[in-house]
Amino acid sequence: EVQLVESGGGLVQTGGSLRLSCAASGFTFGNYDMSWVRQAPGKGPEWVSEITSDAGTIAYADSVKGRFTVSRDNTKNTLYLQMTNLKPNDTAKYYCATEQGDYWGQGTQVTVAA
């Protein structure tokens, strides 16, 4: 069974940091490009970042560039998103997914208090 399980979300103050993790199982994680996508209440999904299977290419949305860092550990089948200098408009549910959208996690909530 394919699973993507996000963790690490929570409530932080403006300017704080969080590290999200996404544990993958049931498929060959190291063969897949991966993405982080977020969805704020009442809004559509917003692509946040992506990383190729070998971590050779990384991209970020302009809204998070310079504050968020994506990484992966293929030996642990885990994707990460280090988030710093968090702002209230970063509040959203964060999902990891394969870049093609084949597989999605259930999401983890990040709430940034003003």
C-alpha atoms as a PDB file:
ATOM      1  CA  GLU A   1       0.000   0.000   0.000  1.00  0.00           C
ATOM      2  CA  VAL A   2       1.341   3.396  -1.007  1.00  0.00           C
ATOM      3  CA  GLN A   3       1.567   5.861   1.856  1.00  0.00           C
ATOM      4  CA  LEU A   4       2.845   9.400   2.265  1.00  0.00           C
ATOM      5  CA  VAL A   5       2.610  10.534   5.869  1.00  0.00           C
ATOM      6  CA  GLU A   6       3.362  14.147   6.734  1.00  0.00           C
ATOM      7  CA  SER A   7       4.309  15.296  10.212  1.00  0.00           C
ATOM      8  CA  GLY A   8       5.847  18.263  11.960  1.00  0.00           C
ATOM      9  CA  GLY A   9       3.106  20.822  11.603  1.00  0.00           C
ATOM     10  CA  GLY A  10       1.846  22.933  14.467  1.00  0.00           C
ATOM     11  CA  LEU A  11       1.233  26.403  15.817  1.00  0.00           C
ATOM     12  CA  VAL A  12       4.103  28.888  15.765  1.00  0.00           C
ATOM     13  CA  GLN A  13       4.535  32.615  16.171  1.00  0.00           C
ATOM     14  CA  THR A  14       5.440  34.895  13.299  1.00  0.00           C
ATOM     15  CA  GLY A  15       9.137  34.555  12.608  1.00  0.00           C
ATOM     16  CA  GLY A  16       9.274  31.016  13.953  1.00  0.00           C
ATOM     17  CA  SER A  17      10.415  27.834  12.280  1.00  0.00           C
ATOM     18  CA  LEU A  18       9.083  24.365  11.633  1.00  0.00           C
ATOM     19  CA  ARG A  19      10.414  21.306   9.905  1.00  0.00           C
ATOM     20  CA  LEU A  20       7.947  19.133   8.059  1.00  0.00           C
ATOM     21  CA  SER A  21       8.649  15.511   7.230  1.00  0.00           C
ATOM     22  CA  CYS A  22       6.979  13.197   4.767  1.00  0.00           C
ATOM     23  CA  ALA A  23       7.580   9.485   5.214  1.00  0.00           C
ATOM     24  CA  ALA A  24       7.023   7.426   2.087  1.00  0.00           C
ATOM     25  CA  SER A  25       6.299   3.725   1.777  1.00  0.00           C
ATOM     26  CA  GLY A  26       4.858   1.284  -0.708  1.00  0.00           C
ATOM     27  CA  PHE A  27       6.692   2.636  -3.740  1.00  0.00           C
ATOM     28  CA  THR A  28      10.264   3.313  -4.820  1.00  0.00           C
ATOM     29  CA  PHE A  29      10.618   6.768  -3.315  1.00  0.00           C
ATOM     30  CA  GLY A  30      14.081   7.331  -4.748  1.00  0.00           C
ATOM     31  CA  ASN A  31      12.725   7.114  -8.290  1.00  0.00           C
ATOM     32  CA  TYR A  32      10.235   9.942  -7.881  1.00  0.00           C
ATOM     33  CA  ASP A  33      10.458  13.706  -8.082  1.00  0.00           C
ATOM     34  CA  MET A  34       8.551  15.103  -5.111  1.00  0.00           C
ATOM     35  CA  SER A  35       6.613  18.254  -4.329  1.00  0.00           C
ATOM     36  CA  TRP A  36       5.199  20.168  -1.407  1.00  0.00           C
ATOM     37  CA  VAL A  37       1.808  21.776  -1.945  1.00  0.00           C
ATOM     38  CA  ARG A  38      -0.195  23.837   0.528  1.00  0.00           C
ATOM     39  CA  GLN A  39      -3.799  24.876   0.788  1.00  0.00           C
ATOM     40  CA  ALA A  40      -4.961  27.748   2.934  1.00  0.00           C
ATOM     41  CA  PRO A  41      -8.539  27.907   4.218  1.00  0.00           C
ATOM     42  CA  GLY A  42     -10.889  29.009   1.467  1.00  0.00           C
ATOM     43  CA  LYS A  43      -8.183  29.006  -1.190  1.00  0.00           C
ATOM     44  CA  GLY A  44      -7.012  26.658  -3.886  1.00  0.00           C
ATOM     45  CA  PRO A  45      -3.873  24.556  -3.719  1.00  0.00           C
ATOM     46  CA  GLU A  46      -0.566  26.389  -4.038  1.00  0.00           C
ATOM     47  CA  TRP A  47       2.589  24.679  -5.202  1.00  0.00           C
ATOM     48  CA  VAL A  48       5.415  25.380  -2.729  1.00  0.00           C
ATOM     49  CA  SER A  49       8.499  23.459  -3.807  1.00  0.00           C
ATOM     50  CA  GLU A  50       9.769  20.510  -5.746  1.00  0.00           C
ATOM     51  CA  ILE A  51      12.880  18.378  -5.722  1.00  0.00           C
ATOM     52  CA  THR A  52      14.019  15.876  -8.296  1.00  0.00           C
ATOM     53  CA  SER A  53      14.622  12.245  -7.416  1.00  0.00           C
ATOM     54  CA  ASP A  54      18.367  12.783  -6.993  1.00  0.00           C
ATOM     55  CA  ALA A  55      17.945  16.225  -5.404  1.00  0.00           C
ATOM     56  CA  GLY A  56      19.830  17.645  -8.333  1.00  0.00           C
ATOM     57  CA  THR A  57      17.196  20.224  -9.157  1.00  0.00           C
ATOM     58  CA  ILE A  58      15.142  22.169  -6.631  1.00  0.00           C
ATOM     59  CA  ALA A  59      12.582  24.881  -7.164  1.00  0.00           C
ATOM     60  CA  TYR A  60      10.497  27.134  -4.921  1.00  0.00           C
ATOM     61  CA  ALA A  61       7.497  29.355  -5.240  1.00  0.00           C
ATOM     62  CA  ASP A  62       8.428  33.026  -5.049  1.00  0.00           C
ATOM     63  CA  SER A  63       6.349  33.339  -1.882  1.00  0.00           C
ATOM     64  CA  VAL A  64       8.669  31.022   0.054  1.00  0.00           C
ATOM     65  CA  LYS A  65      12.007  31.470  -1.710  1.00  0.00           C
ATOM     66  CA  GLY A  66      14.765  32.263   0.753  1.00  0.00           C
ATOM     67  CA  ARG A  67      12.725  31.055   3.720  1.00  0.00           C
ATOM     68  CA  PHE A  68      11.930  27.413   2.951  1.00  0.00           C
ATOM     69  CA  THR A  69      14.365  24.614   2.141  1.00  0.00           C
ATOM     70  CA  VAL A  70      13.335  21.280   0.654  1.00  0.00           C
ATOM     71  CA  SER A  71      15.481  18.192   1.005  1.00  0.00           C
ATOM     72  CA  ARG A  72      15.180  14.449   0.899  1.00  0.00           C
ATOM     73  CA  ASP A  73      16.878  11.372   2.270  1.00  0.00           C
ATOM     74  CA  ASN A  74      16.370   8.509  -0.144  1.00  0.00           C
ATOM     75  CA  THR A  75      17.932   6.069   2.316  1.00  0.00           C
ATOM     76  CA  LYS A  76      15.147   6.912   4.762  1.00  0.00           C
ATOM     77  CA  ASN A  77      12.402   7.358   2.151  1.00  0.00           C
ATOM     78  CA  THR A  78      11.702  10.770   3.620  1.00  0.00           C
ATOM     79  CA  LEU A  79      11.073  14.231   2.212  1.00  0.00           C
ATOM     80  CA  TYR A  80      11.594  17.362   4.322  1.00  0.00           C
ATOM     81  CA  LEU A  81      10.584  20.996   4.275  1.00  0.00           C
ATOM     82  CA  GLN A  82      12.473  23.330   6.594  1.00  0.00           C
ATOM     83  CA  MET A  83      10.455  26.498   7.053  1.00  0.00           C
ATOM     84  CA  THR A  84      11.941  29.604   8.636  1.00  0.00           C
ATOM     85  CA  ASN A  85      10.778  33.182   9.183  1.00  0.00           C
ATOM     86  CA  LEU A  86       7.198  31.973   9.032  1.00  0.00           C
ATOM     87  CA  LYS A  87       4.465  34.489   8.298  1.00  0.00           C
ATOM     88  CA  PRO A  88       0.716  34.408   8.965  1.00  0.00           C
ATOM     89  CA  ASN A  89       0.015  33.891   5.271  1.00  0.00           C
ATOM     90  CA  ASP A  90       2.027  30.654   5.425  1.00  0.00           C
ATOM     91  CA  THR A  91      -0.887  29.241   7.424  1.00  0.00           C
ATOM     92  CA  ALA A  92      -2.175  26.263   5.462  1.00  0.00           C
ATOM     93  CA  LYS A  93      -2.370  22.522   5.314  1.00  0.00           C
ATOM     94  CA  TYR A  94       0.843  21.230   3.778  1.00  0.00           C
ATOM     95  CA  TYR A  95       0.861  18.150   1.592  1.00  0.00           C
ATOM     96  CA  CYS A  96       3.651  16.138   0.087  1.00  0.00           C
ATOM     97  CA  ALA A  97       3.044  14.473  -3.238  1.00  0.00           C
ATOM     98  CA  THR A  98       4.859  12.902  -6.098  1.00  0.00           C
ATOM     99  CA  GLU A  99       5.554  15.582  -8.673  1.00  0.00           C
ATOM    100  CA  GLN A 100       3.206  13.944 -11.182  1.00  0.00           C
ATOM    101  CA  GLY A 101       0.457  13.782  -8.585  1.00  0.00           C
ATOM    102  CA  ASP A 102       0.271  10.004  -8.481  1.00  0.00           C
ATOM    103  CA  TYR A 103       0.411   9.877  -4.714  1.00  0.00           C
ATOM    104  CA  TRP A 104      -0.554  12.375  -1.989  1.00  0.00           C
ATOM    105  CA  GLY A 105      -0.302  12.473   1.759  1.00  0.00           C
ATOM    106  CA  GLN A 106      -3.072  13.460   4.131  1.00  0.00           C
ATOM    107  CA  GLY A 107      -1.440  16.760   5.019  1.00  0.00           C
ATOM    108  CA  THR A 108      -0.181  18.455   8.156  1.00  0.00           C
ATOM    109  CA  GLN A 109      -1.542  21.749   9.456  1.00  0.00           C
ATOM    110  CA  VAL A 110       0.734  24.741   9.899  1.00  0.00           C
ATOM    111  CA  THR A 111      -0.685  27.749  11.708  1.00  0.00           C
ATOM    112  CA  VAL A 112       1.334  30.926  12.107  1.00  0.00           C
ATOM    113  CA  ALA A 113       0.041  33.344  14.708  1.00  0.00           C
ATOM    114  CA  ALA A 114       0.436  37.047  14.127  1.00  0.00           C
END
